[in-house]
Amino acid sequence: MAKTIEIRPLERDDDRSQFSCGEGDLDRFFEHYAGQNQFRLHLAVTYVSVADGHIVGFATVAAAAIERASVPSARLRKRLPAYPLPVLRLARLGVDQRAQGAGIGKGLLRHVLRLAVEQRDRIGCVGVVTDAKPDAVDFYSALGFQPIDGVLQGLSHGEPLPMFLAIDTIATALGEA
Protein backbone atom coordinates (compact mmCIF):
# COMPACT_ATOMS: atom_id res chain seq x y z
CA MET A 1 0.00 0.00 0.00
CA ALA A 2 1.18 3.50 -0.79
CA LYS A 3 2.69 5.60 1.98
CA THR A 4 0.67 8.67 1.06
CA ILE A 5 -3.10 8.53 0.86
CA GLU A 6 -4.90 11.62 -0.36
CA ILE A 7 -8.60 12.23 0.32
CA ARG A 8 -10.21 14.77 -2.01
CA PRO A 9 -13.49 15.42 -3.84
CA LEU A 10 -14.15 13.31 -6.92
CA GLU A 11 -13.02 15.01 -10.12
CA ARG A 12 -14.81 14.77 -13.48
CA ASP A 13 -11.92 12.98 -15.17
CA ASP A 14 -11.19 10.46 -12.41
CA ASP A 15 -11.07 6.92 -13.83
CA ARG A 16 -13.63 4.92 -11.84
CA SER A 17 -13.81 1.94 -14.18
CA GLN A 18 -11.15 -0.14 -12.41
CA PHE A 19 -12.61 0.28 -8.92
CA SER A 20 -14.31 -2.73 -7.32
CA CYS A 21 -15.23 -3.09 -3.68
CA GLY A 22 -16.95 -6.42 -4.27
CA GLU A 23 -20.47 -5.01 -3.76
CA GLY A 24 -22.17 -4.74 -7.14
CA ASP A 25 -24.57 -1.99 -6.06
CA LEU A 26 -21.75 0.17 -4.65
CA ASP A 27 -19.51 -0.40 -7.69
CA ARG A 28 -22.35 0.48 -10.07
CA PHE A 29 -23.20 3.62 -8.07
CA PHE A 30 -19.57 4.77 -8.01
CA GLU A 31 -18.90 4.18 -11.69
CA HIS A 32 -22.20 5.45 -13.13
CA TYR A 33 -23.96 7.76 -10.66
CA ALA A 34 -21.48 9.38 -8.25
CA GLY A 35 -20.32 11.89 -10.87
CA GLN A 36 -23.84 12.59 -12.11
CA ASN A 37 -25.07 13.21 -8.56
CA GLN A 38 -22.14 15.50 -7.84
CA PHE A 39 -21.57 17.47 -11.06
CA ARG A 40 -24.96 17.59 -12.78
CA LEU A 41 -27.63 17.16 -10.11
CA HIS A 42 -25.73 18.55 -7.11
CA LEU A 43 -27.33 15.98 -4.79
CA ALA A 44 -24.20 14.82 -3.02
CA VAL A 45 -20.42 15.01 -2.99
CA THR A 46 -18.18 11.98 -3.30
CA TYR A 47 -14.76 12.03 -1.69
CA VAL A 48 -12.14 9.63 -2.99
CA SER A 49 -9.12 8.14 -1.33
CA VAL A 50 -6.21 8.06 -3.78
CA ALA A 51 -2.99 6.05 -3.49
CA ASP A 52 -0.30 6.11 -6.17
CA GLY A 53 -2.74 7.81 -8.55
CA HIS A 54 -5.43 5.14 -8.16
CA ILE A 55 -8.75 5.47 -6.38
CA VAL A 56 -8.80 2.97 -3.52
CA GLY A 57 -11.96 4.12 -1.73
CA PHE A 58 -14.85 6.53 -1.81
CA ALA A 59 -17.43 8.05 0.50
CA THR A 60 -20.50 9.93 -0.69
CA VAL A 61 -22.16 12.46 1.60
CA ALA A 62 -25.26 14.63 1.35
CA ALA A 63 -27.14 17.10 3.47
CA ALA A 64 -30.17 15.55 5.11
CA ALA A 65 -32.56 15.94 8.03
CA ILE A 66 -33.83 13.78 10.85
CA GLU A 67 -36.96 14.13 12.96
CA ARG A 68 -36.34 14.73 16.65
CA ALA A 69 -38.42 11.66 17.52
CA SER A 70 -35.96 9.49 15.54
CA VAL A 71 -32.85 10.57 17.48
CA PRO A 72 -31.79 7.48 19.51
CA SER A 73 -30.70 9.36 22.64
CA ALA A 74 -33.56 10.48 24.93
CA ARG A 75 -31.20 12.97 26.59
CA LEU A 76 -30.37 14.56 23.21
CA ARG A 77 -34.03 14.55 22.08
CA LYS A 78 -34.97 16.67 25.13
CA ARG A 79 -32.46 19.37 24.12
CA LEU A 80 -33.54 19.60 20.47
CA PRO A 81 -36.44 21.51 18.86
CA ALA A 82 -39.41 19.67 17.34
CA TYR A 83 -38.69 20.50 13.68
CA PRO A 84 -36.49 18.51 11.23
CA LEU A 85 -32.87 18.65 12.33
CA PRO A 86 -29.86 18.97 9.99
CA VAL A 87 -27.55 15.96 9.67
CA LEU A 88 -24.84 14.81 7.30
CA ARG A 89 -25.82 11.59 5.55
CA LEU A 90 -23.09 9.11 4.75
CA ALA A 91 -24.81 7.70 1.70
CA ARG A 92 -22.16 5.30 0.37
CA LEU A 93 -18.74 4.03 1.46
CA GLY A 94 -16.64 1.57 -0.49
CA VAL A 95 -13.04 0.35 -0.46
CA ASP A 96 -11.41 -1.31 -3.47
CA GLN A 97 -10.86 -5.02 -2.86
CA ARG A 98 -7.10 -4.60 -3.41
CA ALA A 99 -6.94 -2.06 -0.55
CA GLN A 100 -9.33 -3.62 1.97
CA GLY A 101 -7.87 -4.09 5.44
CA ALA A 102 -5.44 -1.17 5.05
CA GLY A 103 -7.50 1.41 7.00
CA ILE A 104 -8.89 3.16 3.92
CA GLY A 105 -12.50 2.91 5.14
CA LYS A 106 -11.62 4.26 8.58
CA GLY A 107 -9.71 7.14 6.98
CA LEU A 108 -12.68 8.01 4.79
CA LEU A 109 -15.06 7.78 7.74
CA ARG A 110 -12.77 10.04 9.81
CA HIS A 111 -12.89 12.53 6.90
CA VAL A 112 -16.70 12.36 6.83
CA LEU A 113 -16.89 12.97 10.58
CA ARG A 114 -14.66 16.05 10.19
CA LEU A 115 -17.04 17.28 7.47
CA ALA A 116 -19.92 16.88 9.95
CA VAL A 117 -18.09 19.05 12.50
CA GLU A 118 -17.43 21.65 9.78
CA GLN A 119 -21.13 21.53 8.85
CA ARG A 120 -22.01 21.99 12.55
CA ASP A 121 -19.86 25.11 12.70
CA ARG A 122 -21.02 26.59 9.36
CA ILE A 123 -24.70 25.75 8.91
CA GLY A 124 -25.71 23.39 11.72
CA CYS A 125 -25.55 19.64 12.16
CA VAL A 126 -26.73 17.38 14.98
CA GLY A 127 -25.03 14.20 13.77
CA VAL A 128 -24.25 11.73 11.01
CA VAL A 129 -26.78 9.26 9.63
CA THR A 130 -25.82 6.22 7.61
CA ASP A 131 -27.73 3.29 6.15
CA ALA A 132 -25.55 0.42 7.30
CA LYS A 133 -25.63 -2.75 5.25
CA PRO A 134 -26.16 -5.82 7.47
CA ASP A 135 -22.49 -6.84 7.32
CA ALA A 136 -21.40 -3.30 8.30
CA VAL A 137 -23.68 -2.82 11.35
CA ASP A 138 -21.00 -4.13 13.76
CA PHE A 139 -18.42 -1.76 12.21
CA TYR A 140 -20.65 1.28 12.78
CA SER A 141 -21.85 0.07 16.21
CA ALA A 142 -18.24 -0.23 17.39
CA LEU A 143 -17.77 3.43 16.47
CA GLY A 144 -20.78 4.52 18.54
CA PHE A 145 -23.48 4.67 15.85
CA GLN A 146 -26.91 3.72 17.20
CA PRO A 147 -29.90 2.34 15.31
CA ILE A 148 -32.45 5.05 14.61
CA ASP A 149 -35.60 4.62 16.69
CA GLY A 150 -38.70 3.34 15.03
CA VAL A 151 -37.11 1.40 12.19
CA LEU A 152 -35.83 -1.69 14.01
CA GLN A 153 -39.05 -3.62 13.50
CA GLY A 154 -40.06 -4.77 10.07
CA LEU A 155 -36.68 -4.74 8.39
CA SER A 156 -36.21 -7.58 5.99
CA HIS A 157 -33.03 -9.62 5.94
CA GLY A 158 -30.49 -7.73 3.89
CA GLU A 159 -32.05 -4.29 4.24
CA PRO A 160 -29.78 -1.48 5.44
CA LEU A 161 -30.21 -0.31 9.02
CA PRO A 162 -30.35 3.49 9.50
CA MET A 163 -27.87 4.48 12.23
CA PHE A 164 -27.04 7.78 13.93
CA LEU A 165 -23.96 9.24 15.63
CA ALA A 166 -24.43 12.48 17.61
CA ILE A 167 -22.27 15.49 16.74
CA ASP A 168 -21.12 15.87 20.37
CA THR A 169 -19.75 12.32 20.29
CA ILE A 170 -18.02 13.04 16.98
CA ALA A 171 -16.50 16.32 18.13
CA THR A 172 -15.21 14.75 21.35
CA ALA A 173 -13.65 11.85 19.44
CA LEU A 174 -11.95 14.27 17.04
CA GLY A 175 -10.84 16.62 19.84
CA GLU A 176 -13.06 19.40 18.48
CA ALA A 177 -15.68 19.62 21.24
Foldseek 3Di string as FASTA:
>chain_A
DAPDKDKDWDDPPADLPVFDQPDVVQSCCVRPPQCCCVPPVNAWIKIFIDGPSHTFKIWIKGKDWDALLQPPDPVVSVVDDGDTFIAIEGEDIGGGPVCPPVCPRVVNVLVVLVVRVVCCVPPRHFWYKYFAWPVCPVVVVVLPWAFTPPPPPPDDRGGTTITIDTNVSSCVVVVND
